């Protein structure tokens, strides 16, 4: 009985620690650092017939899934340098982003804006707030998605 109680106390403490870290990281640029807490395991994908990198996310990232976060980064446009309601947000500038092969998939997130509001393109850093969705199953989609994204001034 004492063992079970000890296990419950440790598990509860771990959950509280994860939640506290998520709250702290929501408030600063460190969220990218939190999102980098992922490793990749090469596995064979039967559907595609090739080896793929399967993400192995930390418990902290699992705790962030479905929570509101803020990320600061650069807009990587999907349809030209115009206003967009769906775009990529990168920790790095376009010349160093994941899509150019110079960074990992944990440094980019696709953003869907709240109510489809169009955001004007800029090459300056922007801050976006929204709900984080973590994808560890679909290798054809990005690891991170921000839903209901809004620009923060």
C-alpha atoms as a PDB file:
ATOM      1  CA  UNK A   1       0.000   0.000   0.000  1.00  0.00           C
ATOM      2  CA  UNK A   2       2.828   2.391   0.854  1.00  0.00           C
ATOM      3  CA  UNK A   3       4.431   1.697  -2.535  1.00  0.00           C
ATOM      4  CA  UNK A   4       1.263   2.642  -4.380  1.00  0.00           C
ATOM      5  CA  UNK A   5       0.945   5.842  -2.388  1.00  0.00           C
ATOM      6  CA  UNK A   6       4.575   6.720  -3.117  1.00  0.00           C
ATOM      7  CA  UNK A   7       4.069   6.080  -6.854  1.00  0.00           C
ATOM      8  CA  UNK A   8       0.954   8.289  -6.850  1.00  0.00           C
ATOM      9  CA  UNK A   9       2.758  11.096  -5.031  1.00  0.00           C
ATOM     10  CA  UNK A  10       5.686  10.951  -7.492  1.00  0.00           C
ATOM     11  CA  UNK A  11       3.357  10.871 -10.510  1.00  0.00           C
ATOM     12  CA  UNK A  12       1.318  13.797  -9.178  1.00  0.00           C
ATOM     13  CA  UNK A  13       4.496  15.796  -8.536  1.00  0.00           C
ATOM     14  CA  UNK A  14       5.729  15.091 -12.077  1.00  0.00           C
ATOM     15  CA  UNK A  15       2.426  16.256 -13.572  1.00  0.00           C
ATOM     16  CA  UNK A  16       2.505  19.462 -11.512  1.00  0.00           C
ATOM     17  CA  UNK A  17       6.091  20.121 -12.584  1.00  0.00           C
ATOM     18  CA  UNK A  18       5.193  19.642 -16.280  1.00  0.00           C
ATOM     19  CA  UNK A  19       2.208  21.984 -15.981  1.00  0.00           C
ATOM     20  CA  UNK A  20       4.317  24.634 -14.234  1.00  0.00           C
ATOM     21  CA  UNK A  21       6.992  24.433 -16.929  1.00  0.00           C
ATOM     22  CA  UNK A  22       4.364  24.750 -19.663  1.00  0.00           C
ATOM     23  CA  UNK A  23       2.918  27.877 -17.982  1.00  0.00           C
ATOM     24  CA  UNK A  24       6.366  29.481 -17.715  1.00  0.00           C
ATOM     25  CA  UNK A  25       7.287  28.660 -21.305  1.00  0.00           C
ATOM     26  CA  UNK A  26       4.031  30.040 -22.707  1.00  0.00           C
ATOM     27  CA  UNK A  27       5.151  33.496 -21.689  1.00  0.00           C
ATOM     28  CA  UNK A  28       8.474  33.774 -23.555  1.00  0.00           C
ATOM     29  CA  UNK A  29      10.387  32.762 -26.637  1.00  0.00           C
ATOM     30  CA  UNK A  30      11.536  29.667 -24.777  1.00  0.00           C
ATOM     31  CA  UNK A  31       8.548  27.828 -26.224  1.00  0.00           C
ATOM     32  CA  UNK A  32      10.702  26.931 -29.233  1.00  0.00           C
ATOM     33  CA  UNK A  33      13.193  25.464 -26.762  1.00  0.00           C
ATOM     34  CA  UNK A  34      10.415  23.415 -25.216  1.00  0.00           C
ATOM     35  CA  UNK A  35       9.236  22.246 -28.638  1.00  0.00           C
ATOM     36  CA  UNK A  36      12.774  21.116 -29.442  1.00  0.00           C
ATOM     37  CA  UNK A  37      12.504  18.436 -26.757  1.00  0.00           C
ATOM     38  CA  UNK A  38      11.971  15.753 -29.375  1.00  0.00           C
ATOM     39  CA  UNK A  39      14.089  12.979 -30.785  1.00  0.00           C
ATOM     40  CA  UNK A  40      13.540  11.009 -33.952  1.00  0.00           C
ATOM     41  CA  UNK A  41      13.588   7.276 -34.486  1.00  0.00           C
ATOM     42  CA  UNK A  42      14.028   5.899 -37.984  1.00  0.00           C
ATOM     43  CA  UNK A  43      11.278   3.363 -38.761  1.00  0.00           C
ATOM     44  CA  UNK A  44       9.995   1.707 -41.920  1.00  0.00           C
ATOM     45  CA  UNK A  45       6.663   3.078 -43.146  1.00  0.00           C
ATOM     46  CA  UNK A  46       4.677   0.329 -44.868  1.00  0.00           C
ATOM     47  CA  UNK A  47       2.346   2.777 -46.636  1.00  0.00           C
ATOM     48  CA  UNK A  48       5.184   4.680 -48.316  1.00  0.00           C
ATOM     49  CA  UNK A  49       7.652   1.802 -48.498  1.00  0.00           C
ATOM     50  CA  UNK A  50      10.517   3.887 -47.094  1.00  0.00           C
ATOM     51  CA  UNK A  51      12.236   4.688 -43.826  1.00  0.00           C
ATOM     52  CA  UNK A  52      10.785   7.735 -42.070  1.00  0.00           C
ATOM     53  CA  UNK A  53      11.749   9.708 -38.980  1.00  0.00           C
ATOM     54  CA  UNK A  54       9.142   9.052 -36.278  1.00  0.00           C
ATOM     55  CA  UNK A  55       9.078  11.785 -33.610  1.00  0.00           C
ATOM     56  CA  UNK A  56       9.452  10.776 -29.986  1.00  0.00           C
ATOM     57  CA  UNK A  57       8.199  13.756 -27.964  1.00  0.00           C
ATOM     58  CA  UNK A  58       8.920  14.493 -24.330  1.00  0.00           C
ATOM     59  CA  UNK A  59       6.215  14.357 -21.642  1.00  0.00           C
ATOM     60  CA  UNK A  60       6.438  18.147 -21.449  1.00  0.00           C
ATOM     61  CA  UNK A  61       5.429  18.481 -25.105  1.00  0.00           C
ATOM     62  CA  UNK A  62       2.635  15.957 -24.518  1.00  0.00           C
ATOM     63  CA  UNK A  63       1.407  18.193 -21.698  1.00  0.00           C
ATOM     64  CA  UNK A  64       1.459  21.217 -24.057  1.00  0.00           C
ATOM     65  CA  UNK A  65      -0.767  19.516 -26.668  1.00  0.00           C
ATOM     66  CA  UNK A  66      -4.136  21.293 -26.730  1.00  0.00           C
ATOM     67  CA  UNK A  67      -2.876  24.198 -24.611  1.00  0.00           C
ATOM     68  CA  UNK A  68      -2.543  27.840 -25.588  1.00  0.00           C
ATOM     69  CA  UNK A  69       1.047  28.890 -26.315  1.00  0.00           C
ATOM     70  CA  UNK A  70       2.897  31.830 -27.819  1.00  0.00           C
ATOM     71  CA  UNK A  71       5.645  31.498 -30.403  1.00  0.00           C
ATOM     72  CA  UNK A  72       7.884  34.169 -31.838  1.00  0.00           C
ATOM     73  CA  UNK A  73       9.254  33.592 -35.295  1.00  0.00           C
ATOM     74  CA  UNK A  74       9.213  34.364 -38.976  1.00  0.00           C
ATOM     75  CA  UNK A  75       6.323  33.944 -41.407  1.00  0.00           C
ATOM     76  CA  UNK A  76       7.119  31.501 -44.192  1.00  0.00           C
ATOM     77  CA  UNK A  77       4.393  32.207 -46.771  1.00  0.00           C
ATOM     78  CA  UNK A  78       2.625  29.369 -48.559  1.00  0.00           C
ATOM     79  CA  UNK A  79       1.072  31.338 -51.407  1.00  0.00           C
ATOM     80  CA  UNK A  80       3.415  34.230 -52.075  1.00  0.00           C
ATOM     81  CA  UNK A  81       4.210  37.258 -49.966  1.00  0.00           C
ATOM     82  CA  UNK A  82       0.606  38.351 -49.462  1.00  0.00           C
ATOM     83  CA  UNK A  83      -1.930  38.240 -46.626  1.00  0.00           C
ATOM     84  CA  UNK A  84      -2.588  34.690 -45.451  1.00  0.00           C
ATOM     85  CA  UNK A  85      -4.760  32.835 -42.971  1.00  0.00           C
ATOM     86  CA  UNK A  86      -2.599  29.683 -43.204  1.00  0.00           C
ATOM     87  CA  UNK A  87       1.185  29.980 -43.104  1.00  0.00           C
ATOM     88  CA  UNK A  88       4.272  28.449 -41.577  1.00  0.00           C
ATOM     89  CA  UNK A  89       5.941  30.042 -38.585  1.00  0.00           C
ATOM     90  CA  UNK A  90       9.652  29.331 -38.289  1.00  0.00           C
ATOM     91  CA  UNK A  91      12.045  29.854 -35.446  1.00  0.00           C
ATOM     92  CA  UNK A  92      14.550  30.916 -38.108  1.00  0.00           C
ATOM     93  CA  UNK A  93      14.439  33.198 -41.149  1.00  0.00           C
ATOM     94  CA  UNK A  94      13.399  31.676 -44.459  1.00  0.00           C
ATOM     95  CA  UNK A  95      17.002  31.216 -45.580  1.00  0.00           C
ATOM     96  CA  UNK A  96      17.663  28.967 -42.557  1.00  0.00           C
ATOM     97  CA  UNK A  97      14.264  27.350 -42.015  1.00  0.00           C
ATOM     98  CA  UNK A  98      13.328  23.684 -41.915  1.00  0.00           C
ATOM     99  CA  UNK A  99      12.092  23.737 -45.501  1.00  0.00           C
ATOM    100  CA  UNK A 100      15.523  24.825 -46.762  1.00  0.00           C
ATOM    101  CA  UNK A 101      17.140  21.873 -45.001  1.00  0.00           C
ATOM    102  CA  UNK A 102      19.061  23.860 -42.416  1.00  0.00           C
ATOM    103  CA  UNK A 103      16.913  23.142 -39.345  1.00  0.00           C
ATOM    104  CA  UNK A 104      14.799  20.337 -37.922  1.00  0.00           C
ATOM    105  CA  UNK A 105      11.026  19.878 -38.086  1.00  0.00           C
ATOM    106  CA  UNK A 106      10.700  20.976 -34.459  1.00  0.00           C
ATOM    107  CA  UNK A 107      11.586  24.545 -35.524  1.00  0.00           C
ATOM    108  CA  UNK A 108       8.462  25.107 -37.647  1.00  0.00           C
ATOM    109  CA  UNK A 109       4.719  25.121 -37.061  1.00  0.00           C
ATOM    110  CA  UNK A 110       1.838  25.632 -39.425  1.00  0.00           C
ATOM    111  CA  UNK A 111      -0.562  28.334 -38.287  1.00  0.00           C
ATOM    112  CA  UNK A 112      -4.283  28.546 -38.982  1.00  0.00           C
ATOM    113  CA  UNK A 113      -5.579  31.936 -37.915  1.00  0.00           C
ATOM    114  CA  UNK A 114      -8.674  32.479 -35.798  1.00  0.00           C
ATOM    115  CA  UNK A 115     -11.789  32.944 -37.951  1.00  0.00           C
ATOM    116  CA  UNK A 116      -9.622  32.796 -41.082  1.00  0.00           C
ATOM    117  CA  UNK A 117      -8.321  36.324 -40.472  1.00  0.00           C
ATOM    118  CA  UNK A 118      -5.643  37.181 -43.017  1.00  0.00           C
ATOM    119  CA  UNK A 119      -2.258  38.220 -41.676  1.00  0.00           C
ATOM    120  CA  UNK A 120      -0.073  40.489 -43.805  1.00  0.00           C
ATOM    121  CA  UNK A 121       3.328  39.083 -44.749  1.00  0.00           C
ATOM    122  CA  UNK A 122       6.386  40.606 -43.097  1.00  0.00           C
ATOM    123  CA  UNK A 123      10.012  39.543 -42.994  1.00  0.00           C
ATOM    124  CA  UNK A 124      10.283  40.784 -39.398  1.00  0.00           C
ATOM    125  CA  UNK A 125       9.762  38.582 -36.343  1.00  0.00           C
ATOM    126  CA  UNK A 126       6.158  38.173 -35.250  1.00  0.00           C
ATOM    127  CA  UNK A 127       4.502  36.706 -32.165  1.00  0.00           C
ATOM    128  CA  UNK A 128       1.566  34.319 -32.533  1.00  0.00           C
ATOM    129  CA  UNK A 129      -0.736  32.958 -29.819  1.00  0.00           C
ATOM    130  CA  UNK A 130      -2.928  29.920 -30.339  1.00  0.00           C
ATOM    131  CA  UNK A 131      -3.721  26.322 -29.456  1.00  0.00           C
ATOM    132  CA  UNK A 132      -0.880  23.862 -30.004  1.00  0.00           C
ATOM    133  CA  UNK A 133      -1.635  20.558 -31.717  1.00  0.00           C
ATOM    134  CA  UNK A 134       1.129  17.949 -31.747  1.00  0.00           C
ATOM    135  CA  UNK A 135       1.266  15.419 -34.587  1.00  0.00           C
ATOM    136  CA  UNK A 136       3.306  12.263 -34.030  1.00  0.00           C
ATOM    137  CA  UNK A 137       1.454   9.974 -36.444  1.00  0.00           C
ATOM    138  CA  UNK A 138       1.089  11.613 -39.871  1.00  0.00           C
ATOM    139  CA  UNK A 139       4.502  11.765 -41.558  1.00  0.00           C
ATOM    140  CA  UNK A 140       3.073  13.884 -44.399  1.00  0.00           C
ATOM    141  CA  UNK A 141       2.183  16.755 -42.046  1.00  0.00           C
ATOM    142  CA  UNK A 142       4.183  18.999 -39.777  1.00  0.00           C
ATOM    143  CA  UNK A 143       4.930  18.049 -36.198  1.00  0.00           C
ATOM    144  CA  UNK A 144       3.291  21.204 -34.800  1.00  0.00           C
ATOM    145  CA  UNK A 145       0.153  23.142 -35.700  1.00  0.00           C
ATOM    146  CA  UNK A 146      -1.158  26.328 -34.103  1.00  0.00           C
ATOM    147  CA  UNK A 147      -4.960  26.604 -34.335  1.00  0.00           C
ATOM    148  CA  UNK A 148      -6.938  29.812 -33.764  1.00  0.00           C
ATOM    149  CA  UNK A 149      -3.749  31.797 -34.188  1.00  0.00           C
ATOM    150  CA  UNK A 150      -3.749  35.515 -33.461  1.00  0.00           C
ATOM    151  CA  UNK A 151      -0.956  38.032 -33.869  1.00  0.00           C
ATOM    152  CA  UNK A 152       0.353  39.590 -30.651  1.00  0.00           C
ATOM    153  CA  UNK A 153       1.599  43.181 -30.839  1.00  0.00           C
END
